[in-house]
C-alpha atoms as a PDB file:
ATOM      1  CA  THR A   1     -55.680  23.244 -20.327  1.00  0.00           C
ATOM      2  CA  GLU A   2     -51.898  23.186 -19.976  1.00  0.00           C
ATOM      3  CA  GLN A   3     -52.020  25.969 -17.392  1.00  0.00           C
ATOM      4  CA  MET A   4     -54.660  24.052 -15.429  1.00  0.00           C
ATOM      5  CA  ARG A   5     -52.561  20.873 -15.600  1.00  0.00           C
ATOM      6  CA  GLN A   6     -49.469  22.685 -14.332  1.00  0.00           C
ATOM      7  CA  GLN A   7     -51.444  24.318 -11.531  1.00  0.00           C
ATOM      8  CA  LEU A   8     -52.926  20.968 -10.496  1.00  0.00           C
ATOM      9  CA  LEU A   9     -49.486  19.344 -10.389  1.00  0.00           C
ATOM     10  CA  ALA A  10     -48.161  22.226  -8.299  1.00  0.00           C
ATOM     11  CA  ASP A  11     -51.131  21.986  -5.919  1.00  0.00           C
ATOM     12  CA  VAL A  12     -50.831  18.215  -5.523  1.00  0.00           C
ATOM     13  CA  SER A  13     -47.075  18.449  -4.920  1.00  0.00           C
ATOM     14  CA  HIS A  14     -47.600  21.124  -2.285  1.00  0.00           C
ATOM     15  CA  GLU A  15     -50.306  19.168  -0.464  1.00  0.00           C
ATOM     16  CA  LEU A  16     -48.307  15.924  -0.456  1.00  0.00           C
ATOM     17  CA  ARG A  17     -45.142  17.645   0.693  1.00  0.00           C
ATOM     18  CA  THR A  18     -46.611  18.821   4.013  1.00  0.00           C
ATOM     19  CA  PRO A  19     -47.324  15.431   5.646  1.00  0.00           C
ATOM     20  CA  LEU A  20     -44.259  13.874   4.005  1.00  0.00           C
ATOM     21  CA  THR A  21     -42.035  16.575   5.501  1.00  0.00           C
ATOM     22  CA  ALA A  22     -43.564  15.978   8.950  1.00  0.00           C
ATOM     23  CA  ILE A  23     -43.025  12.215   8.702  1.00  0.00           C
ATOM     24  CA  LYS A  24     -39.454  12.577   7.455  1.00  0.00           C
ATOM     25  CA  GLY A  25     -38.608  15.164  10.113  1.00  0.00           C
ATOM     26  CA  SER A  26     -39.981  12.964  12.881  1.00  0.00           C
ATOM     27  CA  MET A  27     -38.077   9.923  11.627  1.00  0.00           C
ATOM     28  CA  GLU A  28     -34.812  11.891  11.421  1.00  0.00           C
ATOM     29  CA  ALA A  29     -35.377  13.207  14.950  1.00  0.00           C
ATOM     30  CA  LEU A  30     -35.952   9.640  16.159  1.00  0.00           C
ATOM     31  CA  VAL A  31     -32.735   8.437  14.530  1.00  0.00           C
ATOM     32  CA  ASP A  32     -30.765  11.343  16.022  1.00  0.00           C
ATOM     33  CA  GLY A  33     -32.270  10.778  19.464  1.00  0.00           C
ATOM     34  CA  VAL A  34     -33.940  14.200  19.542  1.00  0.00           C
ATOM     35  CA  LEU A  35     -37.412  12.645  19.772  1.00  0.00           C
ATOM     36  CA  PRO A  36     -37.994   9.883  22.333  1.00  0.00           C
ATOM     37  CA  ALA A  37     -38.966   6.466  20.979  1.00  0.00           C
ATOM     38  CA  GLU A  38     -42.252   6.333  22.860  1.00  0.00           C
ATOM     39  CA  PRO A  39     -45.904   5.700  21.900  1.00  0.00           C
ATOM     40  CA  ALA A  40     -46.786   9.405  21.610  1.00  0.00           C
ATOM     41  CA  THR A  41     -44.074   9.925  18.998  1.00  0.00           C
ATOM     42  CA  PHE A  42     -45.183   6.951  16.927  1.00  0.00           C
ATOM     43  CA  GLN A  43     -48.824   8.032  17.175  1.00  0.00           C
ATOM     44  CA  GLN A  44     -47.863  11.440  15.800  1.00  0.00           C
ATOM     45  CA  ILE A  45     -46.098   9.825  12.836  1.00  0.00           C
ATOM     46  CA  GLU A  46     -49.046   7.491  12.284  1.00  0.00           C
ATOM     47  CA  GLN A  47     -51.469  10.448  12.233  1.00  0.00           C
ATOM     48  CA  GLU A  48     -49.413  12.153   9.522  1.00  0.00           C
ATOM     49  CA  ALA A  49     -49.296   8.892   7.517  1.00  0.00           C
ATOM     50  CA  ASP A  50     -53.084   8.585   7.851  1.00  0.00           C
ATOM     51  CA  ARG A  51     -53.451  12.162   6.666  1.00  0.00           C
ATOM     52  CA  LEU A  52     -51.239  11.417   3.676  1.00  0.00           C
ATOM     53  CA  GLN A  53     -53.326   8.353   2.829  1.00  0.00           C
ATOM     54  CA  ARG A  54     -56.574  10.342   3.053  1.00  0.00           C
ATOM     55  CA  LEU A  55     -55.112  13.002   0.789  1.00  0.00           C
ATOM     56  CA  VAL A  56     -54.075  10.438  -1.842  1.00  0.00           C
ATOM     57  CA  ASN A  57     -57.547   8.855  -1.690  1.00  0.00           C
ATOM     58  CA  ASP A  58     -59.163  12.279  -2.070  1.00  0.00           C
ATOM     59  CA  ILE A  59     -56.993  13.106  -5.088  1.00  0.00           C
ATOM     60  CA  GLN A  60     -57.948   9.798  -6.729  1.00  0.00           C
ATOM     61  CA  GLU A  61     -61.613  10.489  -6.045  1.00  0.00           C
ATOM     62  CA  LEU A  62     -61.270  14.027  -7.391  1.00  0.00           C
ATOM     63  CA  SER A  63     -59.706  12.793 -10.638  1.00  0.00           C
ATOM     64  CA  ARG A  64     -62.567  10.338 -11.188  1.00  0.00           C
ATOM     65  CA  VAL A  65     -65.246  12.889 -10.381  1.00  0.00           C
ATOM     66  CA  GLU A  66     -63.757  15.697 -12.494  1.00  0.00           C
ATOM     67  CA  ALA A  67     -63.315  13.313 -15.431  1.00  0.00           C
ATOM     68  CA  GLY A  68     -66.907  12.132 -15.056  1.00  0.00           C
ATOM     69  CA  ALA A  69     -65.559   8.587 -14.666  1.00  0.00           C
ATOM     70  CA  PHE A  70     -68.273   7.470 -12.286  1.00  0.00           C
ATOM     71  CA  GLU A  71     -71.868   6.311 -12.539  1.00  0.00           C
ATOM     72  CA  LEU A  72     -74.741   7.268 -10.293  1.00  0.00           C
ATOM     73  CA  ALA A  73     -76.666   4.308  -8.876  1.00  0.00           C
ATOM     74  CA  VAL A  74     -79.985   6.160  -9.004  1.00  0.00           C
ATOM     75  CA  GLU A  75     -82.888   4.953  -6.890  1.00  0.00           C
ATOM     76  CA  PRO A  76     -85.793   6.473  -4.952  1.00  0.00           C
ATOM     77  CA  ILE A  77     -84.596   8.207  -1.760  1.00  0.00           C
ATOM     78  CA  GLU A  78     -86.447   9.574   1.255  1.00  0.00           C
ATOM     79  CA  PRO A  79     -84.638  12.867   2.041  1.00  0.00           C
ATOM     80  CA  ALA A  80     -85.490  12.534   5.730  1.00  0.00           C
ATOM     81  CA  SER A  81     -83.861   9.097   5.841  1.00  0.00           C
ATOM     82  CA  LEU A  82     -80.775  10.509   4.113  1.00  0.00           C
ATOM     83  CA  VAL A  83     -80.395  13.249   6.738  1.00  0.00           C
ATOM     84  CA  GLU A  84     -81.045  10.863   9.642  1.00  0.00           C
ATOM     85  CA  THR A  85     -78.388   8.438   8.355  1.00  0.00           C
ATOM     86  CA  ALA A  86     -75.814  11.222   7.982  1.00  0.00           C
ATOM     87  CA  VAL A  87     -76.523  12.500  11.499  1.00  0.00           C
ATOM     88  CA  ARG A  88     -76.102   9.007  12.955  1.00  0.00           C
ATOM     89  CA  ARG A  89     -72.764   8.625  11.168  1.00  0.00           C
ATOM     90  CA  VAL A  90     -71.243  11.783  12.663  1.00  0.00           C
ATOM     91  CA  GLU A  91     -73.025  12.257  15.986  1.00  0.00           C
ATOM     92  CA  GLY A  92     -70.358  10.354  17.946  1.00  0.00           C
ATOM     93  CA  GLU A  93     -67.644  12.706  16.723  1.00  0.00           C
ATOM     94  CA  PHE A  94     -69.819  15.726  17.537  1.00  0.00           C
ATOM     95  CA  GLN A  95     -70.433  14.425  21.058  1.00  0.00           C
ATOM     96  CA  ARG A  96     -66.688  13.994  21.602  1.00  0.00           C
ATOM     97  CA  LYS A  97     -66.169  17.602  20.521  1.00  0.00           C
ATOM     98  CA  ASN A  98     -69.080  18.800  22.702  1.00  0.00           C
ATOM     99  CA  ILE A  99     -70.927  20.249  19.706  1.00  0.00           C
ATOM    100  CA  SER A 100     -74.719  20.104  19.583  1.00  0.00           C
ATOM    101  CA  LEU A 101     -76.066  18.458  16.398  1.00  0.00           C
ATOM    102  CA  THR A 102     -79.770  18.799  15.585  1.00  0.00           C
ATOM    103  CA  ALA A 103     -81.995  18.337  12.552  1.00  0.00           C
ATOM    104  CA  SER A 104     -85.387  19.607  11.371  1.00  0.00           C
ATOM    105  CA  LEU A 105     -87.201  17.838   8.554  1.00  0.00           C
ATOM    106  CA  ALA A 106     -90.218  19.230   6.743  1.00  0.00           C
ATOM    107  CA  SER A 107     -93.227  16.918   6.663  1.00  0.00           C
ATOM    108  CA  ASN A 108     -93.912  17.462   2.943  1.00  0.00           C
ATOM    109  CA  LEU A 109     -90.604  16.180   1.550  1.00  0.00           C
ATOM    110  CA  PRO A 110     -91.155  14.133  -1.621  1.00  0.00           C
ATOM    111  CA  VAL A 111     -89.232  11.052  -2.655  1.00  0.00           C
ATOM    112  CA  ILE A 112     -86.301  12.065  -4.857  1.00  0.00           C
ATOM    113  CA  GLN A 113     -84.243  10.186  -7.425  1.00  0.00           C
ATOM    114  CA  GLY A 114     -80.525   9.987  -6.726  1.00  0.00           C
ATOM    115  CA  ASP A 115     -77.545   7.937  -5.655  1.00  0.00           C
ATOM    116  CA  PRO A 116     -77.929   7.552  -1.870  1.00  0.00           C
ATOM    117  CA  ASP A 117     -74.241   6.792  -1.262  1.00  0.00           C
ATOM    118  CA  ARG A 118     -73.077   9.837  -3.216  1.00  0.00           C
ATOM    119  CA  LEU A 119     -75.614  12.202  -1.636  1.00  0.00           C
ATOM    120  CA  LEU A 120     -74.695  10.828   1.781  1.00  0.00           C
ATOM    121  CA  GLN A 121     -71.053  11.531   0.924  1.00  0.00           C
ATOM    122  CA  VAL A 122     -71.946  15.162   0.172  1.00  0.00           C
ATOM    123  CA  LEU A 123     -73.927  15.639   3.376  1.00  0.00           C
ATOM    124  CA  ILE A 124     -71.322  13.988   5.608  1.00  0.00           C
ATOM    125  CA  ASN A 125     -68.655  16.201   4.041  1.00  0.00           C
ATOM    126  CA  LEU A 126     -70.659  19.331   4.865  1.00  0.00           C
ATOM    127  CA  LEU A 127     -71.337  18.106   8.402  1.00  0.00           C
ATOM    128  CA  GLY A 128     -67.658  17.280   8.876  1.00  0.00           C
ATOM    129  CA  ASN A 129     -66.644  20.765   7.779  1.00  0.00           C
ATOM    130  CA  ALA A 130     -69.199  22.330  10.115  1.00  0.00           C
ATOM    131  CA  GLY A 131     -67.903  20.275  13.030  1.00  0.00           C
ATOM    132  CA  GLN A 132     -64.300  21.091  12.209  1.00  0.00           C
ATOM    133  CA  TYR A 133     -64.837  24.854  12.263  1.00  0.00           C
ATOM    134  CA  THR A 134     -67.237  25.020  15.226  1.00  0.00           C
ATOM    135  CA  LEU A 135     -65.797  25.389  18.704  1.00  0.00           C
ATOM    136  CA  ALA A 136     -66.721  23.210  21.686  1.00  0.00           C
ATOM    137  CA  GLY A 137     -70.126  24.227  23.013  1.00  0.00           C
ATOM    138  CA  GLY A 138     -71.222  25.314  19.534  1.00  0.00           C
ATOM    139  CA  GLU A 139     -74.181  24.183  17.460  1.00  0.00           C
ATOM    140  CA  VAL A 140     -74.701  22.610  14.049  1.00  0.00           C
ATOM    141  CA  HIS A 141     -78.187  22.267  12.590  1.00  0.00           C
ATOM    142  CA  VAL A 142     -79.311  20.356   9.488  1.00  0.00           C
ATOM    143  CA  GLN A 143     -82.514  21.354   7.753  1.00  0.00           C
ATOM    144  CA  ALA A 144     -84.355  19.666   4.884  1.00  0.00           C
ATOM    145  CA  ARG A 145     -87.211  21.546   3.262  1.00  0.00           C
ATOM    146  CA  LEU A 146     -89.192  21.740   0.037  1.00  0.00           C
ATOM    147  CA  GLN A 147     -88.748  24.986  -1.878  1.00  0.00           C
ATOM    148  CA  GLU A 148     -90.759  25.291  -5.079  1.00  0.00           C
ATOM    149  CA  ASN A 149     -89.761  22.143  -7.026  1.00  0.00           C
ATOM    150  CA  GLU A 150     -86.538  21.389  -5.173  1.00  0.00           C
ATOM    151  CA  VAL A 151     -85.590  19.565  -1.997  1.00  0.00           C
ATOM    152  CA  VAL A 152     -83.151  21.853  -0.175  1.00  0.00           C
ATOM    153  CA  ILE A 153     -80.740  20.551   2.482  1.00  0.00           C
ATOM    154  CA  ALA A 154     -78.808  23.097   4.544  1.00  0.00           C
ATOM    155  CA  VAL A 155     -76.094  22.670   7.175  1.00  0.00           C
ATOM    156  CA  ARG A 156     -75.874  25.692   9.490  1.00  0.00           C
ATOM    157  CA  ASP A 157     -73.243  26.265  12.180  1.00  0.00           C
ATOM    158  CA  ASN A 158     -72.338  29.048  14.603  1.00  0.00           C
ATOM    159  CA  GLY A 159     -68.608  28.495  14.101  1.00  0.00           C
ATOM    160  CA  ILE A 160     -65.756  30.693  12.959  1.00  0.00           C
ATOM    161  CA  GLY A 161     -67.498  31.935   9.811  1.00  0.00           C
ATOM    162  CA  ILE A 162     -66.044  32.797   6.412  1.00  0.00           C
ATOM    163  CA  PRO A 163     -64.896  36.216   5.144  1.00  0.00           C
ATOM    164  CA  PRO A 164     -67.145  37.233   2.205  1.00  0.00           C
ATOM    165  CA  GLU A 165     -64.279  37.502  -0.284  1.00  0.00           C
ATOM    166  CA  HIS A 166     -63.582  33.769   0.099  1.00  0.00           C
ATOM    167  CA  LEU A 167     -67.135  32.532  -0.579  1.00  0.00           C
ATOM    168  CA  PRO A 168     -66.832  32.381  -4.409  1.00  0.00           C
ATOM    169  CA  HIS A 169     -63.709  30.197  -4.171  1.00  0.00           C
ATOM    170  CA  LEU A 170     -64.695  27.623  -1.546  1.00  0.00           C
ATOM    171  CA  PHE A 171     -65.541  24.924  -4.090  1.00  0.00           C
ATOM    172  CA  THR A 172     -62.275  25.357  -5.999  1.00  0.00           C
ATOM    173  CA  ARG A 173     -59.930  22.426  -5.490  1.00  0.00           C
ATOM    174  CA  PHE A 174     -57.191  22.883  -2.875  1.00  0.00           C
ATOM    175  CA  TYR A 175     -58.620  26.231  -1.809  1.00  0.00           C
ATOM    176  CA  ARG A 176     -58.434  27.022   1.907  1.00  0.00           C
ATOM    177  CA  VAL A 177     -59.709  30.123   3.667  1.00  0.00           C
ATOM    178  CA  ASP A 178     -56.996  29.815   6.328  1.00  0.00           C
ATOM    179  CA  LYS A 179     -54.257  27.340   5.474  1.00  0.00           C
ATOM    180  CA  SER A 180     -52.612  27.343   8.889  1.00  0.00           C
ATOM    181  CA  ARG A 181     -55.888  26.939  10.774  1.00  0.00           C
ATOM    182  CA  SER A 182     -56.988  24.129   8.460  1.00  0.00           C
ATOM    183  CA  ARG A 183     -53.774  22.192   8.903  1.00  0.00           C
ATOM    184  CA  GLN A 184     -53.760  22.675  12.659  1.00  0.00           C
ATOM    185  CA  ALA A 185     -57.323  21.404  12.806  1.00  0.00           C
ATOM    186  CA  GLY A 186     -56.380  18.331  10.842  1.00  0.00           C
ATOM    187  CA  GLY A 187     -58.485  19.315   7.851  1.00  0.00           C
ATOM    188  CA  GLY A 188     -58.399  17.719   4.447  1.00  0.00           C
ATOM    189  CA  GLY A 189     -56.557  18.957   1.406  1.00  0.00           C
ATOM    190  CA  GLY A 190     -59.200  21.409   0.257  1.00  0.00           C
ATOM    191  CA  ILE A 191     -60.725  18.764  -2.021  1.00  0.00           C
ATOM    192  CA  GLY A 192     -63.907  17.657  -0.273  1.00  0.00           C
ATOM    193  CA  LEU A 193     -66.032  20.629  -1.309  1.00  0.00           C
ATOM    194  CA  THR A 194     -64.869  20.311  -4.922  1.00  0.00           C
ATOM    195  CA  ILE A 195     -65.966  16.671  -4.973  1.00  0.00           C
ATOM    196  CA  ALA A 196     -69.260  17.611  -3.288  1.00  0.00           C
ATOM    197  CA  ARG A 197     -69.974  20.223  -5.951  1.00  0.00           C
ATOM    198  CA  ARG A 198     -69.324  17.764  -8.784  1.00  0.00           C
ATOM    199  CA  LEU A 199     -71.583  15.141  -7.202  1.00  0.00           C
ATOM    200  CA  VAL A 200     -74.405  17.609  -6.576  1.00  0.00           C
ATOM    201  CA  GLU A 201     -74.177  18.932 -10.136  1.00  0.00           C
ATOM    202  CA  ALA A 202     -74.228  15.353 -11.458  1.00  0.00           C
ATOM    203  CA  HIS A 203     -77.646  15.080  -9.767  1.00  0.00           C
ATOM    204  CA  GLY A 204     -78.819  18.260 -11.491  1.00  0.00           C
ATOM    205  CA  GLY A 205     -78.594  20.238  -8.276  1.00  0.00           C
ATOM    206  CA  ARG A 206     -76.794  23.313  -6.960  1.00  0.00           C
ATOM    207  CA  ILE A 207     -74.546  23.889  -3.951  1.00  0.00           C
ATOM    208  CA  TRP A 208     -73.420  27.141  -2.336  1.00  0.00           C
ATOM    209  CA  ALA A 209     -72.119  28.691   0.885  1.00  0.00           C
ATOM    210  CA  GLU A 210     -73.247  31.734   2.855  1.00  0.00           C
ATOM    211  CA  SER A 211     -71.628  33.595   5.745  1.00  0.00           C
ATOM    212  CA  ALA A 212     -71.780  37.139   7.083  1.00  0.00           C
ATOM    213  CA  GLY A 213     -68.070  37.024   7.934  1.00  0.00           C
ATOM    214  CA  THR A 214     -65.711  35.807  10.641  1.00  0.00           C
ATOM    215  CA  GLU A 215     -67.224  34.641  13.945  1.00  0.00           C
ATOM    216  CA  THR A 216     -70.738  34.645  12.426  1.00  0.00           C
ATOM    217  CA  GLY A 217     -71.086  30.991  11.471  1.00  0.00           C
ATOM    218  CA  SER A 218     -71.894  29.709   7.999  1.00  0.00           C
ATOM    219  CA  VAL A 219     -74.508  27.844   5.997  1.00  0.00           C
ATOM    220  CA  PHE A 220     -73.781  25.302   3.263  1.00  0.00           C
ATOM    221  CA  THR A 221     -76.788  24.418   1.134  1.00  0.00           C
ATOM    222  CA  PHE A 222     -77.430  21.995  -1.732  1.00  0.00           C
ATOM    223  CA  THR A 223     -80.483  21.056  -3.782  1.00  0.00           C
END
C-alpha cells in the first residue's frame, strides 16, 4: 500500500508539472519580451490552464471512483438510446476532425439496469479516445449487440493502433502508450480508461481493448 501511495504521488506530481511548466515558461517569456503579448500567446496559456484544470478534475474523480465513494443511480436503460446519445454528444467534434462516426444497433437489445450518466461517461470516453487517435478521413464505428446474456458495446476505429505489449496496461492509471504523442494530441492524463474500468466493473461488467498492432486500428469493448 505504501509503495502504491508513493507511486501515485510521483505520477500525480509528474502529470501536474507538465502544464504548470508550460504556463510558467510562457509567462516568463512574456515578462522578458520573448513572446509577444498577443491573443495567440494568451490562448496558448489558457489551453494549458484548461488542461491543468481537466487533469485536477480527473484526479478527483479517480480518487472517488477508486475509493468506491460514489453511488450508482440505477434505472432501466435502453442500450440503443445510450449509444445514440453518446454519438450526438461527440459528432460535432468528429465532423470538425473529418472523421466518420457511425453506429449499428442490434434489434434484440434488452433493457438493462444501470446508471445512465455513468455508462454514458464510459462510452463518451471511449469515443473520445478513438477520435483522438484516428487521423482525418478515418472511421470510428460503435456497435451494440446481445451476446449470450450480456449487452456488448464496442468502439472500433481504424486509427494508429496499439502495440500488443501495451494492451494489458491500458487501464492502469497514468499509463500512456506514447507519452509524447498523447501530449501533442492534447490527451488527458492517462486516467480516463482507469475511471471507465472502475465504472464498468461497478455495473458488474467487463472492459477490454484489442489491436493487432500499430497502424491497424483498435477496438474497445465493454459489457
